Amino acid sequence: MTVTRPLPNHATNDSPLKHEELIHMYEGAMAHLAQARCGTPDEQKRYISTVVQILIHMKEKDPSNEDGTDLPTLYAYMIDRLSIAHCGMGMDPIDEVNWLLQNLKEISRGKKEPPP
């Protein structure tokens, strides 16, 4: 006879992130990216690592939206891009991730402003 057991639940908190939490996390990540742009190489790595930790948290806690948007995949993409910047291979990934976070923040607030 085969025994079946439910898969273990390793999540500590199954509740998705609230809009206010998301906006706060986007703002915090963007602030760290701004500091990374101005910092020394060691400071850049530290700030980028902090943003990666924020994105990992968001990826784990933010499920796909009802409209089919797969935010965890976007967060994983941003983590990949920041790994390039972490290796000292340019500022373009930092700028790109900052742009994506800014757009996500605006969408979360319910308004989309035209780019400058």
Protein backbone atom coordinates (compact mmCIF):
# COMPACT_ATOMS: atom_id res chain seq x y z
CA MET A 1 0.00 0.00 0.00
CA THR A 2 1.28 3.44 -0.94
CA VAL A 3 1.31 6.06 1.76
CA THR A 4 0.64 9.64 0.72
CA ARG A 5 1.46 12.64 2.82
CA PRO A 6 0.89 16.32 2.18
CA LEU A 7 3.88 18.33 1.10
CA PRO A 8 5.47 20.27 3.95
CA ASN A 9 4.68 23.96 4.10
CA HIS A 10 7.97 25.82 4.52
CA ALA A 11 6.50 29.29 4.24
CA THR A 12 6.47 31.26 7.47
CA ASN A 13 3.75 33.63 6.32
CA ASP A 14 1.40 32.74 3.48
CA SER A 15 -0.24 36.13 3.26
CA PRO A 16 0.59 38.15 0.17
CA LEU A 17 2.12 41.59 0.45
CA LYS A 18 -0.26 44.50 0.84
CA HIS A 19 -0.09 47.48 -1.51
CA GLU A 20 1.37 49.72 1.21
CA GLU A 21 4.07 47.14 1.95
CA LEU A 22 4.91 46.82 -1.73
CA ILE A 23 5.22 50.57 -2.20
CA HIS A 24 7.42 50.81 0.91
CA MET A 25 9.65 47.99 -0.35
CA TYR A 26 9.90 49.52 -3.84
CA GLU A 27 10.91 52.86 -2.31
CA GLY A 28 13.49 51.22 -0.04
CA ALA A 29 15.00 49.27 -2.91
CA MET A 30 15.18 52.39 -5.08
CA ALA A 31 16.87 54.33 -2.25
CA HIS A 32 19.52 51.61 -1.95
CA LEU A 33 20.07 51.61 -5.71
CA ALA A 34 20.56 55.39 -5.64
CA GLN A 35 23.19 54.95 -2.94
CA ALA A 36 24.84 52.16 -4.95
CA ARG A 37 25.23 54.51 -7.92
CA CYS A 38 27.24 56.95 -5.81
CA GLY A 39 29.18 54.54 -3.64
CA THR A 40 32.56 52.91 -3.78
CA PRO A 41 32.72 49.41 -5.31
CA ASP A 42 32.45 47.81 -1.86
CA GLU A 43 29.51 50.04 -0.93
CA GLN A 44 27.85 49.25 -4.27
CA LYS A 45 28.06 45.54 -3.55
CA ARG A 46 26.55 46.03 -0.10
CA TYR A 47 23.66 48.15 -1.39
CA ILE A 48 23.01 45.80 -4.31
CA SER A 49 23.00 42.82 -1.93
CA THR A 50 20.39 44.58 0.20
CA VAL A 51 18.18 45.19 -2.85
CA VAL A 52 18.56 41.55 -3.87
CA GLN A 53 17.37 40.50 -0.40
CA ILE A 54 14.35 42.80 -0.74
CA LEU A 55 13.54 41.33 -4.16
CA ILE A 56 13.91 37.77 -2.89
CA HIS A 57 11.45 38.56 -0.10
CA MET A 58 9.02 40.11 -2.58
CA LYS A 59 9.40 37.17 -4.95
CA GLU A 60 8.53 34.71 -2.18
CA LYS A 61 5.59 36.68 -0.78
CA ASP A 62 3.94 38.23 -3.85
CA PRO A 63 1.89 35.77 -5.91
CA SER A 64 0.87 36.29 -9.52
CA ASN A 65 -1.82 38.92 -9.94
CA GLU A 66 -5.39 38.19 -10.92
CA ASP A 67 -4.70 39.72 -14.34
CA GLY A 68 -2.07 37.06 -15.05
CA THR A 69 0.94 39.26 -14.29
CA ASP A 70 3.75 37.06 -13.00
CA LEU A 71 5.58 39.40 -10.63
CA PRO A 72 7.79 36.68 -9.10
CA THR A 73 9.31 36.11 -12.54
CA LEU A 74 9.94 39.85 -12.92
CA TYR A 75 11.58 39.95 -9.49
CA ALA A 76 13.80 37.01 -10.50
CA TYR A 77 14.79 38.90 -13.65
CA MET A 78 15.72 41.96 -11.58
CA ILE A 79 17.80 39.77 -9.26
CA ASP A 80 19.64 38.38 -12.29
CA ARG A 81 20.30 41.88 -13.63
CA LEU A 82 21.62 43.06 -10.27
CA SER A 83 23.99 40.11 -10.10
CA ILE A 84 25.66 41.59 -13.19
CA ALA A 85 26.06 44.95 -11.48
CA HIS A 86 27.29 43.21 -8.31
CA CYS A 87 30.15 41.76 -10.35
CA GLY A 88 31.19 45.28 -11.36
CA MET A 89 30.03 45.01 -14.95
CA GLY A 90 28.41 48.43 -15.26
CA MET A 91 25.60 50.64 -14.05
CA ASP A 92 23.07 49.81 -16.76
CA PRO A 93 21.51 46.95 -14.76
CA ILE A 94 21.08 49.25 -11.76
CA ASP A 95 19.37 51.84 -13.94
CA GLU A 96 17.13 49.20 -15.50
CA VAL A 97 16.06 47.71 -12.17
CA ASN A 98 15.45 51.19 -10.76
CA TRP A 99 13.24 51.99 -13.77
CA LEU A 100 11.28 48.75 -13.32
CA LEU A 101 10.81 49.40 -9.60
CA GLN A 102 9.64 52.96 -10.28
CA ASN A 103 7.03 51.68 -12.74
CA LEU A 104 5.88 48.95 -10.36
CA LYS A 105 5.54 51.54 -7.58
CA GLU A 106 3.44 53.80 -9.79
CA ILE A 107 1.25 50.91 -10.88
CA SER A 108 0.80 49.85 -7.26
CA ARG A 109 -0.36 53.34 -6.40
CA GLY A 110 -2.92 53.13 -9.18
CA LYS A 111 -1.54 55.90 -11.33
CA LYS A 112 0.85 55.78 -14.21
CA GLU A 113 2.70 58.99 -14.88
CA PRO A 114 4.36 59.56 -18.25
CA PRO A 115 8.15 59.19 -18.25
CA PRO A 116 10.21 62.42 -18.07
